[in-house]
Amino acid sequence: LTAGERAAREHGAQALELNVFGANETAR
């Protein structure tokens, strides 16, 4: 996740959003 945030930032993103299914407790 941290590496993905860094890649998004390197491509100009200032924020990163996502969707997570409610039943996916580990991901949440």
mmCIF file of all heavy atoms, coordinates in Angstrom:
data_MODEL
# 
_entry.id   MODEL 
# 
loop_
_atom_site.group_PDB 
_atom_site.id 
_atom_site.type_symbol 
_atom_site.label_atom_id 
_atom_site.label_alt_id 
_atom_site.label_comp_id 
_atom_site.label_asym_id 
_atom_site.label_entity_id 
_atom_site.label_seq_id 
_atom_site.pdbx_PDB_ins_code 
_atom_site.Cartn_x 
_atom_site.Cartn_y 
_atom_site.Cartn_z 
_atom_site.occupancy 
_atom_site.B_iso_or_equiv 
_atom_site.pdbx_formal_charge 
_atom_site.auth_seq_id 
_atom_site.auth_comp_id 
_atom_site.auth_asym_id 
_atom_site.auth_atom_id 
_atom_site.pdbx_PDB_model_num 
ATOM 1   N N   . LEU A 1 1  ? 0.835   -1.200 0.000   1.00 0.00 ? 1  LEU A N   1 
ATOM 2   C CA  . LEU A 1 1  ? 0.000   0.000  0.000   1.00 0.00 ? 1  LEU A CA  1 
ATOM 3   C C   . LEU A 1 1  ? 0.873   1.255  0.000   1.00 0.00 ? 1  LEU A C   1 
ATOM 4   O O   . LEU A 1 1  ? 0.627   2.193  -0.767  1.00 0.00 ? 1  LEU A O   1 
ATOM 5   C CB  . LEU A 1 1  ? -0.935  -0.014 1.212   1.00 0.00 ? 1  LEU A CB  1 
ATOM 6   C CG  . LEU A 1 1  ? -1.923  1.142  1.331   1.00 0.00 ? 1  LEU A CG  1 
ATOM 7   C CD1 . LEU A 1 1  ? -2.856  1.208  0.124   1.00 0.00 ? 1  LEU A CD1 1 
ATOM 8   C CD2 . LEU A 1 1  ? -2.729  0.999  2.622   1.00 0.00 ? 1  LEU A CD2 1 
ATOM 9   N N   . THR A 1 2  ? 1.890   1.266  0.821   1.00 0.00 ? 2  THR A N   1 
ATOM 10  C CA  . THR A 1 2  ? 2.805   2.410  0.887   1.00 0.00 ? 2  THR A CA  1 
ATOM 11  C C   . THR A 1 2  ? 3.506   2.625  -0.454  1.00 0.00 ? 2  THR A C   1 
ATOM 12  O O   . THR A 1 2  ? 3.634   3.761  -0.926  1.00 0.00 ? 2  THR A O   1 
ATOM 13  C CB  . THR A 1 2  ? 3.841   2.202  2.012   1.00 0.00 ? 2  THR A CB  1 
ATOM 14  O OG1 . THR A 1 2  ? 3.138   2.103  3.251   1.00 0.00 ? 2  THR A OG1 1 
ATOM 15  C CG2 . THR A 1 2  ? 4.836   3.347  2.078   1.00 0.00 ? 2  THR A CG2 1 
ATOM 16  N N   . ALA A 1 3  ? 3.946   1.547  -1.093  1.00 0.00 ? 3  ALA A N   1 
ATOM 17  C CA  . ALA A 1 3  ? 4.599   1.653  -2.398  1.00 0.00 ? 3  ALA A CA  1 
ATOM 18  C C   . ALA A 1 3  ? 3.613   2.181  -3.448  1.00 0.00 ? 3  ALA A C   1 
ATOM 19  O O   . ALA A 1 3  ? 3.987   2.983  -4.310  1.00 0.00 ? 3  ALA A O   1 
ATOM 20  C CB  . ALA A 1 3  ? 5.162   0.301  -2.823  1.00 0.00 ? 3  ALA A CB  1 
ATOM 21  N N   . GLY A 1 4  ? 2.362   1.755  -3.374  1.00 0.00 ? 4  GLY A N   1 
ATOM 22  C CA  . GLY A 1 4  ? 1.342   2.249  -4.294  1.00 0.00 ? 4  GLY A CA  1 
ATOM 23  C C   . GLY A 1 4  ? 1.061   3.729  -4.080  1.00 0.00 ? 4  GLY A C   1 
ATOM 24  O O   . GLY A 1 4  ? 0.901   4.493  -5.046  1.00 0.00 ? 4  GLY A O   1 
ATOM 25  N N   . GLU A 1 5  ? 1.009   4.150  -2.832  1.00 0.00 ? 5  GLU A N   1 
ATOM 26  C CA  . GLU A 1 5  ? 0.818   5.578  -2.528  1.00 0.00 ? 5  GLU A CA  1 
ATOM 27  C C   . GLU A 1 5  ? 1.966   6.400  -3.105  1.00 0.00 ? 5  GLU A C   1 
ATOM 28  O O   . GLU A 1 5  ? 1.752   7.463  -3.697  1.00 0.00 ? 5  GLU A O   1 
ATOM 29  C CB  . GLU A 1 5  ? 0.739   5.784  -1.013  1.00 0.00 ? 5  GLU A CB  1 
ATOM 30  C CG  . GLU A 1 5  ? -0.495  5.192  -0.386  1.00 0.00 ? 5  GLU A CG  1 
ATOM 31  C CD  . GLU A 1 5  ? -0.435  5.121  1.133   1.00 0.00 ? 5  GLU A CD  1 
ATOM 32  O OE1 . GLU A 1 5  ? 0.639   5.382  1.727   1.00 0.00 ? 5  GLU A OE1 1 
ATOM 33  O OE2 . GLU A 1 5  ? -1.477  4.783  1.731   1.00 0.00 ? 5  GLU A OE2 1 
ATOM 34  N N   . ARG A 1 6  ? 3.183   5.900  -2.941  1.00 0.00 ? 6  ARG A N   1 
ATOM 35  C CA  . ARG A 1 6  ? 4.372   6.595  -3.469  1.00 0.00 ? 6  ARG A CA  1 
ATOM 36  C C   . ARG A 1 6  ? 4.288   6.694  -4.998  1.00 0.00 ? 6  ARG A C   1 
ATOM 37  O O   . ARG A 1 6  ? 4.543   7.750  -5.583  1.00 0.00 ? 6  ARG A O   1 
ATOM 38  C CB  . ARG A 1 6  ? 5.632   5.863  -3.031  1.00 0.00 ? 6  ARG A CB  1 
ATOM 39  C CG  . ARG A 1 6  ? 6.922   6.573  -3.359  1.00 0.00 ? 6  ARG A CG  1 
ATOM 40  C CD  . ARG A 1 6  ? 8.160   5.943  -2.722  1.00 0.00 ? 6  ARG A CD  1 
ATOM 41  N NE  . ARG A 1 6  ? 8.189   4.488  -2.710  1.00 0.00 ? 6  ARG A NE  1 
ATOM 42  C CZ  . ARG A 1 6  ? 7.965   3.727  -1.627  1.00 0.00 ? 6  ARG A CZ  1 
ATOM 43  N NH1 . ARG A 1 6  ? 7.697   4.265  -0.456  1.00 0.00 ? 6  ARG A NH1 1 
ATOM 44  N NH2 . ARG A 1 6  ? 8.017   2.404  -1.719  1.00 0.00 ? 6  ARG A NH2 1 
ATOM 45  N N   . ALA A 1 7  ? 3.894   5.604  -5.663  1.00 0.00 ? 7  ALA A N   1 
ATOM 46  C CA  . ALA A 1 7  ? 3.779   5.614  -7.124  1.00 0.00 ? 7  ALA A CA  1 
ATOM 47  C C   . ALA A 1 7  ? 2.719   6.616  -7.577  1.00 0.00 ? 7  ALA A C   1 
ATOM 48  O O   . ALA A 1 7  ? 2.934   7.358  -8.547  1.00 0.00 ? 7  ALA A O   1 
ATOM 49  C CB  . ALA A 1 7  ? 3.443   4.215  -7.635  1.00 0.00 ? 7  ALA A CB  1 
ATOM 50  N N   . ALA A 1 8  ? 1.584   6.658  -6.890  1.00 0.00 ? 8  ALA A N   1 
ATOM 51  C CA  . ALA A 1 8  ? 0.527   7.609  -7.247  1.00 0.00 ? 8  ALA A CA  1 
ATOM 52  C C   . ALA A 1 8  ? 1.032   9.045  -7.072  1.00 0.00 ? 8  ALA A C   1 
ATOM 53  O O   . ALA A 1 8  ? 0.798   9.907  -7.931  1.00 0.00 ? 8  ALA A O   1 
ATOM 54  C CB  . ALA A 1 8  ? -0.713  7.364  -6.392  1.00 0.00 ? 8  ALA A CB  1 
ATOM 55  N N   . ARG A 1 9  ? 1.715   9.296  -5.972  1.00 0.00 ? 9  ARG A N   1 
ATOM 56  C CA  . ARG A 1 9  ? 2.273   10.636 -5.706  1.00 0.00 ? 9  ARG A CA  1 
ATOM 57  C C   . ARG A 1 9  ? 3.281   11.015 -6.797  1.00 0.00 ? 9  ARG A C   1 
ATOM 58  O O   . ARG A 1 9  ? 3.298   12.155 -7.270  1.00 0.00 ? 9  ARG A O   1 
ATOM 59  C CB  . ARG A 1 9  ? 2.927   10.647 -4.320  1.00 0.00 ? 9  ARG A CB  1 
ATOM 60  C CG  . ARG A 1 9  ? 3.010   11.988 -3.669  1.00 0.00 ? 9  ARG A CG  1 
ATOM 61  C CD  . ARG A 1 9  ? 3.465   11.965 -2.203  1.00 0.00 ? 9  ARG A CD  1 
ATOM 62  N NE  . ARG A 1 9  ? 4.343   10.886 -1.799  1.00 0.00 ? 9  ARG A NE  1 
ATOM 63  C CZ  . ARG A 1 9  ? 3.971   9.839  -1.057  1.00 0.00 ? 9  ARG A CZ  1 
ATOM 64  N NH1 . ARG A 1 9  ? 2.731   9.720  -0.632  1.00 0.00 ? 9  ARG A NH1 1 
ATOM 65  N NH2 . ARG A 1 9  ? 4.836   8.907  -0.733  1.00 0.00 ? 9  ARG A NH2 1 
ATOM 66  N N   . GLU A 1 10 ? 4.134   10.072 -7.195  1.00 0.00 ? 10 GLU A N   1 
ATOM 67  C CA  . GLU A 1 10 ? 5.117   10.328 -8.251  1.00 0.00 ? 10 GLU A CA  1 
ATOM 68  C C   . GLU A 1 10 ? 4.460   10.666 -9.588  1.00 0.00 ? 10 GLU A C   1 
ATOM 69  O O   . GLU A 1 10 ? 5.076   11.300 -10.442 1.00 0.00 ? 10 GLU A O   1 
ATOM 70  C CB  . GLU A 1 10 ? 6.050   9.124  -8.417  1.00 0.00 ? 10 GLU A CB  1 
ATOM 71  C CG  . GLU A 1 10 ? 7.014   8.956  -7.263  1.00 0.00 ? 10 GLU A CG  1 
ATOM 72  C CD  . GLU A 1 10 ? 7.755   7.620  -7.271  1.00 0.00 ? 10 GLU A CD  1 
ATOM 73  O OE1 . GLU A 1 10 ? 7.482   6.775  -8.162  1.00 0.00 ? 10 GLU A OE1 1 
ATOM 74  O OE2 . GLU A 1 10 ? 8.590   7.414  -6.363  1.00 0.00 ? 10 GLU A OE2 1 
ATOM 75  N N   . HIS A 1 11 ? 3.208   10.236 -9.768  1.00 0.00 ? 11 HIS A N   1 
ATOM 76  C CA  . HIS A 1 11 ? 2.461   10.543 -10.994 1.00 0.00 ? 11 HIS A CA  1 
ATOM 77  C C   . HIS A 1 11 ? 1.537   11.746 -10.811 1.00 0.00 ? 11 HIS A C   1 
ATOM 78  O O   . HIS A 1 11 ? 0.635   11.976 -11.610 1.00 0.00 ? 11 HIS A O   1 
ATOM 79  C CB  . HIS A 1 11 ? 1.664   9.315  -11.448 1.00 0.00 ? 11 HIS A CB  1 
ATOM 80  C CG  . HIS A 1 11 ? 2.508   8.294  -12.122 1.00 0.00 ? 11 HIS A CG  1 
ATOM 81  N ND1 . HIS A 1 11 ? 3.204   7.322  -11.431 1.00 0.00 ? 11 HIS A ND1 1 
ATOM 82  C CD2 . HIS A 1 11 ? 2.809   8.111  -13.429 1.00 0.00 ? 11 HIS A CD2 1 
ATOM 83  C CE1 . HIS A 1 11 ? 3.873   6.576  -12.290 1.00 0.00 ? 11 HIS A CE1 1 
ATOM 84  N NE2 . HIS A 1 11 ? 3.657   7.025  -13.500 1.00 0.00 ? 11 HIS A NE2 1 
ATOM 85  N N   . GLY A 1 12 ? 1.724   12.498 -9.726  1.00 0.00 ? 12 GLY A N   1 
ATOM 86  C CA  . GLY A 1 12 ? 0.995   13.749 -9.536  1.00 0.00 ? 12 GLY A CA  1 
ATOM 87  C C   . GLY A 1 12 ? -0.215  13.697 -8.631  1.00 0.00 ? 12 GLY A C   1 
ATOM 88  O O   . GLY A 1 12 ? -0.851  14.719 -8.397  1.00 0.00 ? 12 GLY A O   1 
ATOM 89  N N   . ALA A 1 13 ? -0.572  12.537 -8.114  1.00 0.00 ? 13 ALA A N   1 
ATOM 90  C CA  . ALA A 1 13 ? -1.746  12.448 -7.229  1.00 0.00 ? 13 ALA A CA  1 
ATOM 91  C C   . ALA A 1 13 ? -1.446  13.102 -5.881  1.00 0.00 ? 13 ALA A C   1 
ATOM 92  O O   . ALA A 1 13 ? -0.346  12.976 -5.350  1.00 0.00 ? 13 ALA A O   1 
ATOM 93  C CB  . ALA A 1 13 ? -2.150  10.994 -7.028  1.00 0.00 ? 13 ALA A CB  1 
ATOM 94  N N   . GLN A 1 14 ? -2.440  13.761 -5.350  1.00 0.00 ? 14 GLN A N   1 
ATOM 95  C CA  . GLN A 1 14 ? -2.333  14.383 -4.031  1.00 0.00 ? 14 GLN A CA  1 
ATOM 96  C C   . GLN A 1 14 ? -3.117  13.596 -2.982  1.00 0.00 ? 14 GLN A C   1 
ATOM 97  O O   . GLN A 1 14 ? -2.998  13.854 -1.788  1.00 0.00 ? 14 GLN A O   1 
ATOM 98  C CB  . GLN A 1 14 ? -2.851  15.823 -4.097  1.00 0.00 ? 14 GLN A CB  1 
ATOM 99  C CG  . GLN A 1 14 ? -2.048  16.666 -5.056  1.00 0.00 ? 14 GLN A CG  1 
ATOM 100 C CD  . GLN A 1 14 ? -2.805  17.895 -5.507  1.00 0.00 ? 14 GLN A CD  1 
ATOM 101 O OE1 . GLN A 1 14 ? -3.991  18.056 -5.236  1.00 0.00 ? 14 GLN A OE1 1 
ATOM 102 N NE2 . GLN A 1 14 ? -2.126  18.769 -6.221  1.00 0.00 ? 14 GLN A NE2 1 
ATOM 103 N N   . ALA A 1 15 ? -3.926  12.662 -3.449  1.00 0.00 ? 15 ALA A N   1 
ATOM 104 C CA  . ALA A 1 15 ? -4.728  11.821 -2.552  1.00 0.00 ? 15 ALA A CA  1 
ATOM 105 C C   . ALA A 1 15 ? -4.987  10.494 -3.265  1.00 0.00 ? 15 ALA A C   1 
ATOM 106 O O   . ALA A 1 15 ? -4.856  10.399 -4.488  1.00 0.00 ? 15 ALA A O   1 
ATOM 107 C CB  . ALA A 1 15 ? -6.052  12.504 -2.209  1.00 0.00 ? 15 ALA A CB  1 
ATOM 108 N N   . LEU A 1 16 ? -5.341  9.501  -2.468  1.00 0.00 ? 16 LEU A N   1 
ATOM 109 C CA  . LEU A 1 16 ? -5.669  8.185  -3.008  1.00 0.00 ? 16 LEU A CA  1 
ATOM 110 C C   . LEU A 1 16 ? -6.923  7.692  -2.305  1.00 0.00 ? 16 LEU A C   1 
ATOM 111 O O   . LEU A 1 16 ? -7.005  7.733  -1.079  1.00 0.00 ? 16 LEU A O   1 
ATOM 112 C CB  . LEU A 1 16 ? -4.504  7.206  -2.772  1.00 0.00 ? 16 LEU A CB  1 
ATOM 113 C CG  . LEU A 1 16 ? -4.650  5.793  -3.336  1.00 0.00 ? 16 LEU A CG  1 
ATOM 114 C CD1 . LEU A 1 16 ? -4.789  5.826  -4.866  1.00 0.00 ? 16 LEU A CD1 1 
ATOM 115 C CD2 . LEU A 1 16 ? -3.453  4.941  -2.955  1.00 0.00 ? 16 LEU A CD2 1 
ATOM 116 N N   . GLU A 1 17 ? -7.895  7.286  -3.095  1.00 0.00 ? 17 GLU A N   1 
ATOM 117 C CA  . GLU A 1 17 ? -9.154  6.800  -2.546  1.00 0.00 ? 17 GLU A CA  1 
ATOM 118 C C   . GLU A 1 17 ? -9.340  5.355  -2.987  1.00 0.00 ? 17 GLU A C   1 
ATOM 119 O O   . GLU A 1 17 ? -8.752  4.902  -3.963  1.00 0.00 ? 17 GLU A O   1 
ATOM 120 C CB  . GLU A 1 17 ? -10.300 7.679  -3.061  1.00 0.00 ? 17 GLU A CB  1 
ATOM 121 C CG  . GLU A 1 17 ? -11.605 7.489  -2.316  1.00 0.00 ? 17 GLU A CG  1 
ATOM 122 C CD  . GLU A 1 17 ? -12.645 8.525  -2.705  1.00 0.00 ? 17 GLU A CD  1 
ATOM 123 O OE1 . GLU A 1 17 ? -12.561 9.664  -2.203  1.00 0.00 ? 17 GLU A OE1 1 
ATOM 124 O OE2 . GLU A 1 17 ? -13.516 8.195  -3.534  1.00 0.00 ? 17 GLU A OE2 1 
ATOM 125 N N   . LEU A 1 18 ? -10.183 4.628  -2.254  1.00 0.00 ? 18 LEU A N   1 
ATOM 126 C CA  . LEU A 1 18 ? -10.446 3.224  -2.560  1.00 0.00 ? 18 LEU A CA  1 
ATOM 127 C C   . LEU A 1 18 ? -11.807 2.836  -2.029  1.00 0.00 ? 18 LEU A C   1 
ATOM 128 O O   . LEU A 1 18 ? -12.432 3.577  -1.276  1.00 0.00 ? 18 LEU A O   1 
ATOM 129 C CB  . LEU A 1 18 ? -9.359  2.332  -1.949  1.00 0.00 ? 18 LEU A CB  1 
ATOM 130 C CG  . LEU A 1 18 ? -9.128  2.467  -0.439  1.00 0.00 ? 18 LEU A CG  1 
ATOM 131 C CD1 . LEU A 1 18 ? -10.056 1.596  0.377   1.00 0.00 ? 18 LEU A CD1 1 
ATOM 132 C CD2 . LEU A 1 18 ? -7.685  2.136  -0.109  1.00 0.00 ? 18 LEU A CD2 1 
ATOM 133 N N   . ASN A 1 19 ? -12.266 1.675  -2.434  1.00 0.00 ? 19 ASN A N   1 
ATOM 134 C CA  . ASN A 1 19 ? -13.487 1.082  -1.911  1.00 0.00 ? 19 ASN A CA  1 
ATOM 135 C C   . ASN A 1 19 ? -13.108 -0.233 -1.252  1.00 0.00 ? 19 ASN A C   1 
ATOM 136 O O   . ASN A 1 19 ? -12.234 -0.940 -1.740  1.00 0.00 ? 19 ASN A O   1 
ATOM 137 C CB  . ASN A 1 19 ? -14.488 0.805  -3.043  1.00 0.00 ? 19 ASN A CB  1 
ATOM 138 C CG  . ASN A 1 19 ? -15.752 0.156  -2.528  1.00 0.00 ? 19 ASN A CG  1 
ATOM 139 O OD1 . ASN A 1 19 ? -16.535 0.773  -1.831  1.00 0.00 ? 19 ASN A OD1 1 
ATOM 140 N ND2 . ASN A 1 19 ? -15.950 -1.113 -2.855  1.00 0.00 ? 19 ASN A ND2 1 
ATOM 141 N N   . VAL A 1 20 ? -13.752 -0.538 -0.147  1.00 0.00 ? 20 VAL A N   1 
ATOM 142 C CA  . VAL A 1 20 ? -13.518 -1.817 0.506   1.00 0.00 ? 20 VAL A CA  1 
ATOM 143 C C   . VAL A 1 20 ? -14.875 -2.410 0.869   1.00 0.00 ? 20 VAL A C   1 
ATOM 144 O O   . VAL A 1 20 ? -15.753 -1.705 1.362   1.00 0.00 ? 20 VAL A O   1 
ATOM 145 C CB  . VAL A 1 20 ? -12.593 -1.682 1.747   1.00 0.00 ? 20 VAL A CB  1 
ATOM 146 C CG1 . VAL A 1 20 ? -13.184 -0.780 2.805   1.00 0.00 ? 20 VAL A CG1 1 
ATOM 147 C CG2 . VAL A 1 20 ? -12.250 -3.037 2.325   1.00 0.00 ? 20 VAL A CG2 1 
ATOM 148 N N   . PHE A 1 21 ? -15.049 -3.692 0.584   1.00 0.00 ? 21 PHE A N   1 
ATOM 149 C CA  . PHE A 1 21 ? -16.293 -4.359 0.940   1.00 0.00 ? 21 PHE A CA  1 
ATOM 150 C C   . PHE A 1 21 ? -16.373 -4.505 2.455   1.00 0.00 ? 21 PHE A C   1 
ATOM 151 O O   . PHE A 1 21 ? -15.364 -4.795 3.121   1.00 0.00 ? 21 PHE A O   1 
ATOM 152 C CB  . PHE A 1 21 ? -16.395 -5.732 0.256   1.00 0.00 ? 21 PHE A CB  1 
ATOM 153 C CG  . PHE A 1 21 ? -16.708 -5.631 -1.203  1.00 0.00 ? 21 PHE A CG  1 
ATOM 154 C CD1 . PHE A 1 21 ? -15.701 -5.646 -2.152  1.00 0.00 ? 21 PHE A CD1 1 
ATOM 155 C CD2 . PHE A 1 21 ? -18.016 -5.505 -1.637  1.00 0.00 ? 21 PHE A CD2 1 
ATOM 156 C CE1 . PHE A 1 21 ? -15.988 -5.541 -3.503  1.00 0.00 ? 21 PHE A CE1 1 
ATOM 157 C CE2 . PHE A 1 21 ? -18.323 -5.401 -2.984  1.00 0.00 ? 21 PHE A CE2 1 
ATOM 158 C CZ  . PHE A 1 21 ? -17.304 -5.415 -3.922  1.00 0.00 ? 21 PHE A CZ  1 
ATOM 159 N N   . GLY A 1 22 ? -17.558 -4.314 2.994   1.00 0.00 ? 22 GLY A N   1 
ATOM 160 C CA  . GLY A 1 22 ? -17.759 -4.341 4.442   1.00 0.00 ? 22 GLY A CA  1 
ATOM 161 C C   . GLY A 1 22 ? -17.320 -5.624 5.112   1.00 0.00 ? 22 GLY A C   1 
ATOM 162 O O   . GLY A 1 22 ? -16.869 -5.614 6.255   1.00 0.00 ? 22 GLY A O   1 
ATOM 163 N N   . ALA A 1 23 ? -17.441 -6.736 4.416   1.00 0.00 ? 23 ALA A N   1 
ATOM 164 C CA  . ALA A 1 23 ? -17.080 -8.028 5.012   1.00 0.00 ? 23 ALA A CA  1 
ATOM 165 C C   . ALA A 1 23 ? -15.567 -8.261 5.040   1.00 0.00 ? 23 ALA A C   1 
ATOM 166 O O   . ALA A 1 23 ? -15.104 -9.192 5.693   1.00 0.00 ? 23 ALA A O   1 
ATOM 167 C CB  . ALA A 1 23 ? -17.755 -9.165 4.244   1.00 0.00 ? 23 ALA A CB  1 
ATOM 168 N N   . ASN A 1 24 ? -14.796 -7.410 4.388   1.00 0.00 ? 24 ASN A N   1 
ATOM 169 C CA  . ASN A 1 24 ? -13.350 -7.594 4.318   1.00 0.00 ? 24 ASN A CA  1 
ATOM 170 C C   . ASN A 1 24 ? -12.679 -6.885 5.500   1.00 0.00 ? 24 ASN A C   1 
ATOM 171 O O   . ASN A 1 24 ? -12.059 -5.832 5.359   1.00 0.00 ? 24 ASN A O   1 
ATOM 172 C CB  . ASN A 1 24 ? -12.804 -7.088 2.986   1.00 0.00 ? 24 ASN A CB  1 
ATOM 173 C CG  . ASN A 1 24 ? -11.391 -7.551 2.734   1.00 0.00 ? 24 ASN A CG  1 
ATOM 174 O OD1 . ASN A 1 24 ? -10.666 -7.925 3.646   1.00 0.00 ? 24 ASN A OD1 1 
ATOM 175 N ND2 . ASN A 1 24 ? -10.994 -7.508 1.470   1.00 0.00 ? 24 ASN A ND2 1 
ATOM 176 N N   . GLU A 1 25 ? -12.810 -7.498 6.650   1.00 0.00 ? 25 GLU A N   1 
ATOM 177 C CA  . GLU A 1 25 ? -12.317 -6.912 7.909   1.00 0.00 ? 25 GLU A CA  1 
ATOM 178 C C   . GLU A 1 25 ? -10.808 -6.664 7.889   1.00 0.00 ? 25 GLU A C   1 
ATOM 179 O O   . GLU A 1 25 ? -10.339 -5.633 8.363   1.00 0.00 ? 25 GLU A O   1 
ATOM 180 C CB  . GLU A 1 25 ? -12.679 -7.851 9.070   1.00 0.00 ? 25 GLU A CB  1 
ATOM 181 C CG  . GLU A 1 25 ? -12.548 -7.237 10.430  1.00 0.00 ? 25 GLU A CG  1 
ATOM 182 C CD  . GLU A 1 25 ? -13.611 -6.182 10.735  1.00 0.00 ? 25 GLU A CD  1 
ATOM 183 O OE1 . GLU A 1 25 ? -14.749 -6.294 10.232  1.00 0.00 ? 25 GLU A OE1 1 
ATOM 184 O OE2 . GLU A 1 25 ? -13.291 -5.242 11.470  1.00 0.00 ? 25 GLU A OE2 1 
ATOM 185 N N   . THR A 1 26 ? -10.049 -7.590 7.341   1.00 0.00 ? 26 THR A N   1 
ATOM 186 C CA  . THR A 1 26 ? -8.590  -7.442 7.295   1.00 0.00 ? 26 THR A CA  1 
ATOM 187 C C   . THR A 1 26 ? -8.195  -6.204 6.502   1.00 0.00 ? 26 THR A C   1 
ATOM 188 O O   . THR A 1 26 ? -7.372  -5.402 6.954   1.00 0.00 ? 26 THR A O   1 
ATOM 189 C CB  . THR A 1 26 ? -7.933  -8.695 6.688   1.00 0.00 ? 26 THR A CB  1 
ATOM 190 O OG1 . THR A 1 26 ? -8.308  -9.830 7.471   1.00 0.00 ? 26 THR A OG1 1 
ATOM 191 C CG2 . THR A 1 26 ? -6.433  -8.578 6.647   1.00 0.00 ? 26 THR A CG2 1 
ATOM 192 N N   . ALA A 1 27 ? -8.788  -6.036 5.327   1.00 0.00 ? 27 ALA A N   1 
ATOM 193 C CA  . ALA A 1 27 ? -8.474  -4.872 4.492   1.00 0.00 ? 27 ALA A CA  1 
ATOM 194 C C   . ALA A 1 27 ? -8.927  -3.582 5.172   1.00 0.00 ? 27 ALA A C   1 
ATOM 195 O O   . ALA A 1 27 ? -8.190  -2.589 5.169   1.00 0.00 ? 27 ALA A O   1 
ATOM 196 C CB  . ALA A 1 27 ? -9.123  -5.012 3.126   1.00 0.00 ? 27 ALA A CB  1 
ATOM 197 N N   . ARG A 1 28 ? -10.112 -3.585 5.759   1.00 0.00 ? 28 ARG A N   1 
ATOM 198 C CA  . ARG A 1 28 ? -10.603 -2.375 6.431   1.00 0.00 ? 28 ARG A CA  1 
ATOM 199 C C   . ARG A 1 28 ? -9.644  -1.935 7.525   1.00 0.00 ? 28 ARG A C   1 
ATOM 200 O O   . ARG A 1 28 ? -9.328  -0.751 7.651   1.00 0.00 ? 28 ARG A O   1 
ATOM 201 C CB  . ARG A 1 28 ? -12.009 -2.600 6.991   1.00 0.00 ? 28 ARG A CB  1 
ATOM 202 C CG  . ARG A 1 28 ? -13.061 -2.601 5.894   1.00 0.00 ? 28 ARG A CG  1 
ATOM 203 C CD  . ARG A 1 28 ? -14.503 -2.654 6.368   1.00 0.00 ? 28 ARG A CD  1 
ATOM 204 N NE  . ARG A 1 28 ? -14.737 -2.290 7.723   1.00 0.00 ? 28 ARG A NE  1 
ATOM 205 C CZ  . ARG A 1 28 ? -15.424 -3.031 8.605   1.00 0.00 ? 28 ARG A CZ  1 
ATOM 206 N NH1 . ARG A 1 28 ? -15.912 -4.197 8.232   1.00 0.00 ? 28 ARG A NH1 1 
ATOM 207 N NH2 . ARG A 1 28 ? -15.624 -2.625 9.815   1.00 0.00 ? 28 ARG A NH2 1 
# 
